[in-house]
PDB file of N, CA and C in Angstrom:
ATOM      1  N   MET A   1     -21.831  45.683  25.444  1.00  0.00           N
ATOM      2  CA  MET A   1     -22.568  44.727  24.019  1.00  0.00           C
ATOM      3  C   MET A   1     -21.357  43.578  24.050  1.00  0.00           C
ATOM      4  N   PHE A   2     -22.198  42.416  23.829  1.00  0.00           N
ATOM      5  CA  PHE A   2     -21.294  40.872  24.011  1.00  0.00           C
ATOM      6  C   PHE A   2     -21.632  40.769  22.536  1.00  0.00           C
ATOM      7  N   VAL A   3     -20.054  39.798  22.264  1.00  0.00           N
ATOM      8  CA  VAL A   3     -19.879  39.768  20.563  1.00  0.00           C
ATOM      9  C   VAL A   3     -19.633  38.304  21.054  1.00  0.00           C
ATOM     10  N   LYS A   4     -20.463  37.277  19.606  1.00  0.00           N
ATOM     11  CA  LYS A   4     -19.521  35.742  19.632  1.00  0.00           C
ATOM     12  C   LYS A   4     -18.627  36.013  18.383  1.00  0.00           C
ATOM     13  N   ALA A   5     -17.564  35.227  18.509  1.00  0.00           N
ATOM     14  CA  ALA A   5     -16.479  35.338  17.544  1.00  0.00           C
ATOM     15  C   ALA A   5     -16.888  34.531  16.752  1.00  0.00           C
ATOM     16  N   GLU A   6     -16.822  34.969  14.881  1.00  0.00           N
ATOM     17  CA  GLU A   6     -16.965  34.849  14.449  1.00  0.00           C
ATOM     18  C   GLU A   6     -15.538  33.978  13.373  1.00  0.00           C
ATOM     19  N   ASN A   7     -15.824  33.816  11.956  1.00  0.00           N
ATOM     20  CA  ASN A   7     -15.316  32.308  11.587  1.00  0.00           C
ATOM     21  C   ASN A   7     -14.168  33.630  11.816  1.00  0.00           C
ATOM     22  N   GLY A   8     -12.562  32.583  11.454  1.00  0.00           N
ATOM     23  CA  GLY A   8     -11.623  33.009  10.829  1.00  0.00           C
ATOM     24  C   GLY A   8     -11.047  33.723  12.948  1.00  0.00           C
ATOM     25  N   GLN A   9     -12.079  34.133  13.562  1.00  0.00           N
ATOM     26  CA  GLN A   9     -11.716  34.443  14.915  1.00  0.00           C
ATOM     27  C   GLN A   9     -10.923  33.421  15.631  1.00  0.00           C
ATOM     28  N   LYS A  10     -10.087  33.515  16.654  1.00  0.00           N
ATOM     29  CA  LYS A  10      -9.194  33.057  17.321  1.00  0.00           C
ATOM     30  C   LYS A  10      -9.661  32.504  18.644  1.00  0.00           C
ATOM     31  N   ARG A  11     -10.342  33.595  19.320  1.00  0.00           N
ATOM     32  CA  ARG A  11     -11.054  33.772  21.006  1.00  0.00           C
ATOM     33  C   ARG A  11     -12.886  33.416  20.552  1.00  0.00           C
ATOM     34  N   VAL A  12     -12.550  32.011  21.200  1.00  0.00           N
ATOM     35  CA  VAL A  12     -14.757  32.283  20.949  1.00  0.00           C
ATOM     36  C   VAL A  12     -15.076  32.727  22.025  1.00  0.00           C
ATOM     37  N   ASP A  13     -14.422  33.046  23.555  1.00  0.00           N
ATOM     38  CA  ASP A  13     -15.925  33.719  24.586  1.00  0.00           C
ATOM     39  C   ASP A  13     -16.118  34.585  24.254  1.00  0.00           C
ATOM     40  N   ASP A  14     -17.582  35.059  24.657  1.00  0.00           N
ATOM     41  CA  ASP A  14     -18.191  36.344  24.495  1.00  0.00           C
ATOM     42  C   ASP A  14     -17.098  37.233  25.100  1.00  0.00           C
ATOM     43  N   ARG A  15     -17.154  38.827  24.805  1.00  0.00           N
ATOM     44  CA  ARG A  15     -16.481  40.003  24.782  1.00  0.00           C
ATOM     45  C   ARG A  15     -17.010  40.673  25.897  1.00  0.00           C
ATOM     46  N   LEU A  16     -16.958  41.409  26.112  1.00  0.00           N
ATOM     47  CA  LEU A  16     -17.971  42.637  27.324  1.00  0.00           C
ATOM     48  C   LEU A  16     -16.698  43.581  26.733  1.00  0.00           C
ATOM     49  N   ASP A  17     -17.155  45.021  26.020  1.00  0.00           N
ATOM     50  CA  ASP A  17     -16.591  46.011  25.801  1.00  0.00           C
ATOM     51  C   ASP A  17     -16.145  46.947  26.861  1.00  0.00           C
ATOM     52  N   VAL A  18     -15.507  47.330  27.468  1.00  0.00           N
ATOM     53  CA  VAL A  18     -14.724  48.370  28.250  1.00  0.00           C
ATOM     54  C   VAL A  18     -14.158  49.812  28.365  1.00  0.00           C
ATOM     55  N   LEU A  19     -13.534  49.962  29.275  1.00  0.00           N
ATOM     56  CA  LEU A  19     -12.657  51.830  29.347  1.00  0.00           C
ATOM     57  C   LEU A  19     -12.224  51.712  30.093  1.00  0.00           C
ATOM     58  N   TRP A  20     -10.721  50.810  30.586  1.00  0.00           N
ATOM     59  CA  TRP A  20     -10.013  51.080  31.650  1.00  0.00           C
ATOM     60  C   TRP A  20      -9.223  51.202  31.135  1.00  0.00           C
ATOM     61  N   ASP A  21      -8.424  52.395  32.108  1.00  0.00           N
ATOM     62  CA  ASP A  21      -6.692  52.234  32.574  1.00  0.00           C
ATOM     63  C   ASP A  21      -6.293  51.287  32.920  1.00  0.00           C
ATOM     64  N   ALA A  22      -4.928  51.235  32.667  1.00  0.00           N
ATOM     65  CA  ALA A  22      -4.553  50.190  32.867  1.00  0.00           C
ATOM     66  C   ALA A  22      -2.746  50.828  32.692  1.00  0.00           C
ATOM     67  N   VAL A  23      -1.983  50.564  33.446  1.00  0.00           N
ATOM     68  CA  VAL A  23      -1.089  49.594  33.627  1.00  0.00           C
ATOM     69  C   VAL A  23       0.266  48.357  33.330  1.00  0.00           C
ATOM     70  N   ALA A  24       0.437  48.658  32.571  1.00  0.00           N
ATOM     71  CA  ALA A  24       1.746  47.536  31.572  1.00  0.00           C
ATOM     72  C   ALA A  24       2.909  47.380  32.186  1.00  0.00           C
ATOM     73  N   ILE A  25       3.219  46.620  33.178  1.00  0.00           N
ATOM     74  CA  ILE A  25       5.011  46.198  33.754  1.00  0.00           C
ATOM     75  C   ILE A  25       5.930  45.565  33.027  1.00  0.00           C
ATOM     76  N   VAL A  26       6.737  46.124  32.424  1.00  0.00           N
ATOM     77  CA  VAL A  26       7.210  44.929  31.113  1.00  0.00           C
ATOM     78  C   VAL A  26       8.266  45.549  31.926  1.00  0.00           C
ATOM     79  N   GLU A  27       9.339  44.387  32.088  1.00  0.00           N
ATOM     80  CA  GLU A  27      10.806  44.717  32.614  1.00  0.00           C
ATOM     81  C   GLU A  27      10.871  45.239  33.995  1.00  0.00           C
ATOM     82  N   GLY A  28       9.886  45.370  34.925  1.00  0.00           N
ATOM     83  CA  GLY A  28      10.518  45.939  35.585  1.00  0.00           C
ATOM     84  C   GLY A  28       9.785  47.746  35.237  1.00  0.00           C
ATOM     85  N   LYS A  29       9.687  48.055  34.588  1.00  0.00           N
ATOM     86  CA  LYS A  29       8.749  49.452  33.820  1.00  0.00           C
ATOM     87  C   LYS A  29       7.578  49.556  33.819  1.00  0.00           C
ATOM     88  N   GLU A  30       7.129  50.975  33.995  1.00  0.00           N
ATOM     89  CA  GLU A  30       5.611  51.233  33.830  1.00  0.00           C
ATOM     90  C   GLU A  30       4.747  51.644  32.586  1.00  0.00           C
ATOM     91  N   TYR A  31       3.940  51.239  32.050  1.00  0.00           N
ATOM     92  CA  TYR A  31       3.417  51.943  30.496  1.00  0.00           C
ATOM     93  C   TYR A  31       2.281  52.183  30.993  1.00  0.00           C
ATOM     94  N   ALA A  32       1.676  52.737  30.749  1.00  0.00           N
ATOM     95  CA  ALA A  32      -0.088  53.873  30.769  1.00  0.00           C
ATOM     96  C   ALA A  32      -0.426  52.668  29.469  1.00  0.00           C
ATOM     97  N   CYS A  33      -1.721  52.874  30.012  1.00  0.00           N
ATOM     98  CA  CYS A  33      -2.390  51.629  28.468  1.00  0.00           C
ATOM     99  C   CYS A  33      -3.637  51.592  29.163  1.00  0.00           C
ATOM    100  N   GLU A  34      -4.956  51.027  28.133  1.00  0.00           N
ATOM    101  CA  GLU A  34      -6.223  51.207  28.337  1.00  0.00           C
ATOM    102  C   GLU A  34      -6.803  49.488  27.861  1.00  0.00           C
ATOM    103  N   VAL A  35      -7.574  48.620  28.218  1.00  0.00           N
ATOM    104  CA  VAL A  35      -7.629  48.090  27.658  1.00  0.00           C
ATOM    105  C   VAL A  35      -9.410  48.433  27.339  1.00  0.00           C
ATOM    106  N   ALA A  36      -9.395  47.492  26.509  1.00  0.00           N
ATOM    107  CA  ALA A  36     -10.509  47.506  25.029  1.00  0.00           C
ATOM    108  C   ALA A  36     -11.375  46.765  25.707  1.00  0.00           C
ATOM    109  N   ASN A  37     -11.953  45.499  25.754  1.00  0.00           N
ATOM    110  CA  ASN A  37     -12.573  44.191  26.305  1.00  0.00           C
ATOM    111  C   ASN A  37     -11.600  43.490  26.691  1.00  0.00           C
ATOM    112  N   VAL A  38     -12.850  42.820  27.591  1.00  0.00           N
ATOM    113  CA  VAL A  38     -12.120  41.404  27.930  1.00  0.00           C
ATOM    114  C   VAL A  38     -13.294  40.366  27.881  1.00  0.00           C
ATOM    115  N   SER A  39     -12.458  38.480  27.988  1.00  0.00           N
ATOM    116  CA  SER A  39     -13.514  37.970  28.154  1.00  0.00           C
ATOM    117  C   SER A  39     -12.854  37.031  29.349  1.00  0.00           C
ATOM    118  N   THR A  40     -13.367  35.710  29.117  1.00  0.00           N
ATOM    119  CA  THR A  40     -13.159  35.043  30.244  1.00  0.00           C
ATOM    120  C   THR A  40     -11.951  34.851  30.192  1.00  0.00           C
ATOM    121  N   ALA A  41     -10.929  34.779  29.530  1.00  0.00           N
ATOM    122  CA  ALA A  41      -9.067  34.308  29.763  1.00  0.00           C
ATOM    123  C   ALA A  41      -8.693  35.317  29.086  1.00  0.00           C
ATOM    124  N   GLY A  42      -8.959  36.679  28.318  1.00  0.00           N
ATOM    125  CA  GLY A  42      -8.625  37.558  27.417  1.00  0.00           C
ATOM    126  C   GLY A  42      -8.876  38.475  27.555  1.00  0.00           C
ATOM    127  N   VAL A  43      -7.795  39.603  26.900  1.00  0.00           N
ATOM    128  CA  VAL A  43      -7.980  40.899  27.108  1.00  0.00           C
ATOM    129  C   VAL A  43      -7.545  41.765  25.815  1.00  0.00           C
ATOM    130  N   LEU A  44      -8.004  42.270  25.717  1.00  0.00           N
ATOM    131  CA  LEU A  44      -7.789  43.486  24.409  1.00  0.00           C
ATOM    132  C   LEU A  44      -6.962  44.932  24.747  1.00  0.00           C
ATOM    133  N   MET A  45      -5.873  45.026  24.947  1.00  0.00           N
ATOM    134  CA  MET A  45      -5.519  46.184  25.112  1.00  0.00           C
ATOM    135  C   MET A  45      -4.713  47.013  24.056  1.00  0.00           C
ATOM    136  N   LYS A  46      -4.187  48.437  24.660  1.00  0.00           N
ATOM    137  CA  LYS A  46      -3.922  49.367  23.738  1.00  0.00           C
ATOM    138  C   LYS A  46      -2.930  49.926  24.378  1.00  0.00           C
ATOM    139  N   LEU A  47      -1.712  49.591  23.616  1.00  0.00           N
ATOM    140  CA  LEU A  47      -0.049  50.333  24.343  1.00  0.00           C
ATOM    141  C   LEU A  47       0.371  50.761  23.343  1.00  0.00           C
ATOM    142  N   ASP A  48       1.533  51.833  23.377  1.00  0.00           N
ATOM    143  CA  ASP A  48       2.546  52.629  22.325  1.00  0.00           C
ATOM    144  C   ASP A  48       3.419  51.453  22.526  1.00  0.00           C
ATOM    145  N   LYS A  49       3.807  50.584  22.897  1.00  0.00           N
ATOM    146  CA  LYS A  49       5.513  50.165  23.069  1.00  0.00           C
ATOM    147  C   LYS A  49       5.404  48.653  22.076  1.00  0.00           C
ATOM    148  N   GLU A  50       5.940  48.804  21.613  1.00  0.00           N
ATOM    149  CA  GLU A  50       6.736  47.012  20.734  1.00  0.00           C
ATOM    150  C   GLU A  50       7.245  46.238  21.809  1.00  0.00           C
ATOM    151  N   LEU A  51       5.838  45.130  21.859  1.00  0.00           N
ATOM    152  CA  LEU A  51       6.116  43.899  22.144  1.00  0.00           C
ATOM    153  C   LEU A  51       5.559  42.375  21.322  1.00  0.00           C
ATOM    154  N   ASP A  52       6.492  41.779  21.316  1.00  0.00           N
ATOM    155  CA  ASP A  52       6.298  40.282  20.626  1.00  0.00           C
ATOM    156  C   ASP A  52       5.547  39.552  21.197  1.00  0.00           C
ATOM    157  N   ALA A  53       4.657  38.320  20.324  1.00  0.00           N
ATOM    158  CA  ALA A  53       3.870  37.375  20.737  1.00  0.00           C
ATOM    159  C   ALA A  53       4.969  36.530  21.703  1.00  0.00           C
ATOM    160  N   LYS A  54       4.340  35.956  22.685  1.00  0.00           N
ATOM    161  CA  LYS A  54       4.265  35.400  23.831  1.00  0.00           C
ATOM    162  C   LYS A  54       5.307  35.644  24.953  1.00  0.00           C
ATOM    163  N   HIS A  55       5.152  37.350  24.924  1.00  0.00           N
ATOM    164  CA  HIS A  55       6.027  37.831  25.352  1.00  0.00           C
ATOM    165  C   HIS A  55       5.241  38.379  26.751  1.00  0.00           C
ATOM    166  N   GLN A  56       5.403  37.769  28.285  1.00  0.00           N
ATOM    167  CA  GLN A  56       5.104  37.992  29.610  1.00  0.00           C
ATOM    168  C   GLN A  56       5.277  38.990  30.121  1.00  0.00           C
ATOM    169  N   PHE A  57       3.909  39.457  30.534  1.00  0.00           N
ATOM    170  CA  PHE A  57       4.575  40.838  31.889  1.00  0.00           C
ATOM    171  C   PHE A  57       2.809  40.372  32.547  1.00  0.00           C
ATOM    172  N   LEU A  58       3.463  41.796  33.620  1.00  0.00           N
ATOM    173  CA  LEU A  58       2.443  41.906  34.505  1.00  0.00           C
ATOM    174  C   LEU A  58       0.821  42.632  33.755  1.00  0.00           C
ATOM    175  N   LEU A  59       0.154  43.103  33.945  1.00  0.00           N
ATOM    176  CA  LEU A  59      -1.008  43.812  33.908  1.00  0.00           C
ATOM    177  C   LEU A  59      -1.925  44.549  34.945  1.00  0.00           C
ATOM    178  N   ASP A  60      -1.609  45.798  35.165  1.00  0.00           N
ATOM    179  CA  ASP A  60      -2.178  46.091  36.718  1.00  0.00           C
ATOM    180  C   ASP A  60      -3.754  47.204  36.018  1.00  0.00           C
ATOM    181  N   ILE A  61      -4.356  46.316  36.053  1.00  0.00           N
ATOM    182  CA  ILE A  61      -6.296  47.021  35.721  1.00  0.00           C
ATOM    183  C   ILE A  61      -6.658  47.942  36.471  1.00  0.00           C
ATOM    184  N   GLN A  62      -6.981  48.804  36.652  1.00  0.00           N
ATOM    185  CA  GLN A  62      -6.939  49.959  37.732  1.00  0.00           C
ATOM    186  C   GLN A  62      -8.149  49.544  38.454  1.00  0.00           C
ATOM    187  N   GLU A  63      -8.795  48.972  37.795  1.00  0.00           N
ATOM    188  CA  GLU A  63     -10.473  48.779  38.108  1.00  0.00           C
ATOM    189  C   GLU A  63     -10.503  47.414  38.540  1.00  0.00           C
ATOM    190  N   LEU A  64      -9.616  46.493  38.395  1.00  0.00           N
ATOM    191  CA  LEU A  64      -9.623  45.668  38.756  1.00  0.00           C
ATOM    192  C   LEU A  64      -7.949  45.266  40.017  1.00  0.00           C
ATOM    193  N   LYS A  65      -7.528  43.958  38.907  1.00  0.00           N
ATOM    194  CA  LYS A  65      -6.158  43.169  40.316  1.00  0.00           C
ATOM    195  C   LYS A  65      -5.038  43.472  38.889  1.00  0.00           C
ATOM    196  N   GLU A  66      -3.886  42.664  39.401  1.00  0.00           N
ATOM    197  CA  GLU A  66      -2.849  42.856  38.628  1.00  0.00           C
ATOM    198  C   GLU A  66      -3.106  41.306  37.745  1.00  0.00           C
ATOM    199  N   TYR A  67      -2.632  40.912  36.886  1.00  0.00           N
ATOM    200  CA  TYR A  67      -2.798  40.075  36.554  1.00  0.00           C
ATOM    201  C   TYR A  67      -1.576  39.424  35.512  1.00  0.00           C
ATOM    202  N   ALA A  68      -1.162  38.859  35.373  1.00  0.00           N
ATOM    203  CA  ALA A  68       0.535  38.471  34.553  1.00  0.00           C
ATOM    204  C   ALA A  68      -0.320  37.657  33.492  1.00  0.00           C
ATOM    205  N   VAL A  69       0.389  38.231  32.212  1.00  0.00           N
ATOM    206  CA  VAL A  69      -0.216  37.780  30.937  1.00  0.00           C
ATOM    207  C   VAL A  69       0.478  37.304  29.599  1.00  0.00           C
ATOM    208  N   GLU A  70       0.356  36.910  28.799  1.00  0.00           N
ATOM    209  CA  GLU A  70       0.977  37.106  27.935  1.00  0.00           C
ATOM    210  C   GLU A  70       0.517  37.545  26.119  1.00  0.00           C
ATOM    211  N   VAL A  71       1.532  38.010  25.740  1.00  0.00           N
ATOM    212  CA  VAL A  71       1.085  38.149  24.311  1.00  0.00           C
ATOM    213  C   VAL A  71       0.214  37.351  23.218  1.00  0.00           C
ATOM    214  N   ALA A  72      -0.747  36.997  22.589  1.00  0.00           N
ATOM    215  CA  ALA A  72      -1.236  35.909  21.829  1.00  0.00           C
ATOM    216  C   ALA A  72      -1.212  36.734  20.707  1.00  0.00           C
ATOM    217  N   TRP A  73      -1.559  37.874  19.952  1.00  0.00           N
ATOM    218  CA  TRP A  73      -1.264  38.308  18.574  1.00  0.00           C
ATOM    219  C   TRP A  73      -0.724  40.093  19.476  1.00  0.00           C
ATOM    220  N   ALA A  74      -0.460  40.669  18.187  1.00  0.00           N
ATOM    221  CA  ALA A  74       0.079  41.916  18.168  1.00  0.00           C
ATOM    222  C   ALA A  74      -0.002  43.026  16.560  1.00  0.00           C
ATOM    223  N   ASN A  75      -0.807  43.790  16.857  1.00  0.00           N
ATOM    224  CA  ASN A  75      -0.660  44.200  15.475  1.00  0.00           C
ATOM    225  C   ASN A  75      -0.915  45.964  16.263  1.00  0.00           C
ATOM    226  N   ARG A  76      -0.078  46.432  17.239  1.00  0.00           N
ATOM    227  CA  ARG A  76       0.520  47.462  17.537  1.00  0.00           C
ATOM    228  C   ARG A  76      -0.140  48.916  16.996  1.00  0.00           C
ATOM    229  N   PRO A  77      -1.163  49.697  18.088  1.00  0.00           N
ATOM    230  CA  PRO A  77      -1.291  49.224  18.933  1.00  0.00           C
ATOM    231  C   PRO A  77      -1.693  48.640  19.954  1.00  0.00           C
ATOM    232  N   PHE A  78      -2.363  47.565  19.530  1.00  0.00           N
ATOM    233  CA  PHE A  78      -3.494  46.901  20.381  1.00  0.00           C
ATOM    234  C   PHE A  78      -2.806  45.160  20.187  1.00  0.00           C
ATOM    235  N   TYR A  79      -3.081  44.647  21.354  1.00  0.00           N
ATOM    236  CA  TYR A  79      -2.431  43.696  21.584  1.00  0.00           C
ATOM    237  C   TYR A  79      -3.543  42.416  22.124  1.00  0.00           C
ATOM    238  N   GLY A  80      -3.493  41.305  22.037  1.00  0.00           N
ATOM    239  CA  GLY A  80      -4.050  40.263  22.436  1.00  0.00           C
ATOM    240  C   GLY A  80      -3.780  39.600  23.167  1.00  0.00           C
ATOM    241  N   LEU A  81      -4.057  39.407  24.501  1.00  0.00           N
ATOM    242  CA  LEU A  81      -3.322  38.973  25.911  1.00  0.00           C
ATOM    243  C   LEU A  81      -4.382  38.100  26.283  1.00  0.00           C
ATOM    244  N   ILE A  82      -3.554  36.626  26.721  1.00  0.00           N
ATOM    245  CA  ILE A  82      -4.483  35.141  27.478  1.00  0.00           C
ATOM    246  C   ILE A  82      -3.375  35.889  28.889  1.00  0.00           C
ATOM    247  N   LEU A  83      -4.830  35.668  29.709  1.00  0.00           N
ATOM    248  CA  LEU A  83      -4.318  36.068  31.207  1.00  0.00           C
ATOM    249  C   LEU A  83      -3.799  34.276  31.800  1.00  0.00           C
ATOM    250  N   LEU A  84      -2.510  34.943  32.354  1.00  0.00           N
ATOM    251  CA  LEU A  84      -1.955  33.057  33.025  1.00  0.00           C
ATOM    252  C   LEU A  84      -2.289  33.313  34.663  1.00  0.00           C
ATOM    253  N   VAL A  85      -2.141  34.570  35.444  1.00  0.00           N
ATOM    254  CA  VAL A  85      -2.358  34.212  36.959  1.00  0.00           C
ATOM    255  C   VAL A  85      -3.031  35.300  37.157  1.00  0.00           C
ATOM    256  N   GLY A  86      -3.529  35.519  38.487  1.00  0.00           N
ATOM    257  CA  GLY A  86      -4.334  36.487  38.435  1.00  0.00           C
ATOM    258  C   GLY A  86      -5.589  35.885  40.005  1.00  0.00           C
ATOM    259  N   GLU A  87      -5.938  37.270  40.735  1.00  0.00           N
ATOM    260  CA  GLU A  87      -7.034  36.434  41.253  1.00  0.00           C
ATOM    261  C   GLU A  87      -8.333  36.002  41.044  1.00  0.00           C
ATOM    262  N   ASP A  88      -8.828  36.885  39.763  1.00  0.00           N
ATOM    263  CA  ASP A  88     -10.201  36.049  39.005  1.00  0.00           C
ATOM    264  C   ASP A  88      -9.949  36.298  38.117  1.00  0.00           C
ATOM    265  N   MET A  89      -9.531  34.863  37.734  1.00  0.00           N
ATOM    266  CA  MET A  89      -9.343  34.599  36.255  1.00  0.00           C
ATOM    267  C   MET A  89     -10.820  34.909  35.253  1.00  0.00           C
ATOM    268  N   LYS A  90     -11.385  34.546  36.202  1.00  0.00           N
ATOM    269  CA  LYS A  90     -13.074  34.949  34.939  1.00  0.00           C
ATOM    270  C   LYS A  90     -13.182  36.036  35.021  1.00  0.00           C
ATOM    271  N   LEU A  91     -12.164  37.271  34.125  1.00  0.00           N
ATOM    272  CA  LEU A  91     -12.526  38.230  33.659  1.00  0.00           C
ATOM    273  C   LEU A  91     -13.795  38.872  34.156  1.00  0.00           C
ATOM    274  N   LYS A  92     -14.010  38.001  32.393  1.00  0.00           N
ATOM    275  CA  LYS A  92     -15.052  38.950  32.002  1.00  0.00           C
ATOM    276  C   LYS A  92     -16.614  39.141  33.153  1.00  0.00           C
ATOM    277  N   ASN A  93     -16.243  37.754  34.276  1.00  0.00           N
ATOM    278  CA  ASN A  93     -17.473  37.689  34.927  1.00  0.00           C
ATOM    279  C   ASN A  93     -17.261  38.492  35.687  1.00  0.00           C
ATOM    280  N   HIS A  94     -15.999  39.000  36.483  1.00  0.00           N
ATOM    281  CA  HIS A  94     -16.020  40.328  37.391  1.00  0.00           C
ATOM    282  C   HIS A  94     -16.236  41.498  36.918  1.00  0.00           C
ATOM    283  N   ALA A  95     -15.920  41.393  35.331  1.00  0.00           N
ATOM    284  CA  ALA A  95     -16.658  42.841  34.867  1.00  0.00           C
ATOM    285  C   ALA A  95     -17.825  43.010  34.952  1.00  0.00           C
ATOM    286  N   ASP A  96     -18.313  41.591  34.426  1.00  0.00           N
ATOM    287  CA  ASP A  96     -20.125  42.324  34.041  1.00  0.00           C
ATOM    288  C   ASP A  96     -20.438  42.450  36.228  1.00  0.00           C
ATOM    289  N   LYS A  97     -19.441  41.840  36.491  1.00  0.00           N
ATOM    290  CA  LYS A  97     -20.303  41.934  38.154  1.00  0.00           C
ATOM    291  C   LYS A  97     -20.472  43.258  38.446  1.00  0.00           C
ATOM    292  N   ILE A  98     -18.973  44.112  38.398  1.00  0.00           N
ATOM    293  CA  ILE A  98     -18.839  45.433  38.989  1.00  0.00           C
ATOM    294  C   ILE A  98     -19.464  46.497  37.897  1.00  0.00           C
ATOM    295  N   GLY A  99     -20.229  46.032  36.749  1.00  0.00           N
ATOM    296  CA  GLY A  99     -20.646  47.177  35.832  1.00  0.00           C
ATOM    297  C   GLY A  99     -19.563  47.859  34.969  1.00  0.00           C
ATOM    298  N   LEU A 100     -20.110  48.301  33.855  1.00  0.00           N
ATOM    299  CA  LEU A 100     -18.778  49.345  32.883  1.00  0.00           C
ATOM    300  C   LEU A 100     -18.424  50.471  33.643  1.00  0.00           C
ATOM    301  N   LYS A 101     -17.455  50.624  33.790  1.00  0.00           N
ATOM    302  CA  LYS A 101     -17.177  51.842  34.070  1.00  0.00           C
ATOM    303  C   LYS A 101     -15.639  52.663  33.167  1.00  0.00           C
ATOM    304  N   SER A 102     -15.958  54.275  32.720  1.00  0.00           N
ATOM    305  CA  SER A 102     -15.140  54.893  31.487  1.00  0.00           C
ATOM    306  C   SER A 102     -15.123  55.693  32.751  1.00  0.00           C
ATOM    307  N   ARG A 103     -14.090  56.524  31.495  1.00  0.00           N
ATOM    308  CA  ARG A 103     -13.421  57.434  32.352  1.00  0.00           C
ATOM    309  C   ARG A 103     -14.129  58.871  32.285  1.00  0.00           C
TER     310      ARG A 103
END
């Protein structure tokens, strides 16, 4: 399902709803999390851990690869992440190619 950003939303890229298992690697520790949607340069993640805005860490998306990310906004347990570094920075395009996969 693709959704255009509406008035008041910061992310303007189309979003692709997914349900992917992932691992947040924060300061050398691994935390299970889920990716709920992706866009060209961002991710919506669900994680039961407190992270501050601008915090940078690694996100290992089991369906794809590992990405360096930064917290753009936090409303625990949900976090909006900006992709900083990764093999395929156009994450939504890559997700489109492999299709939706859920647990």
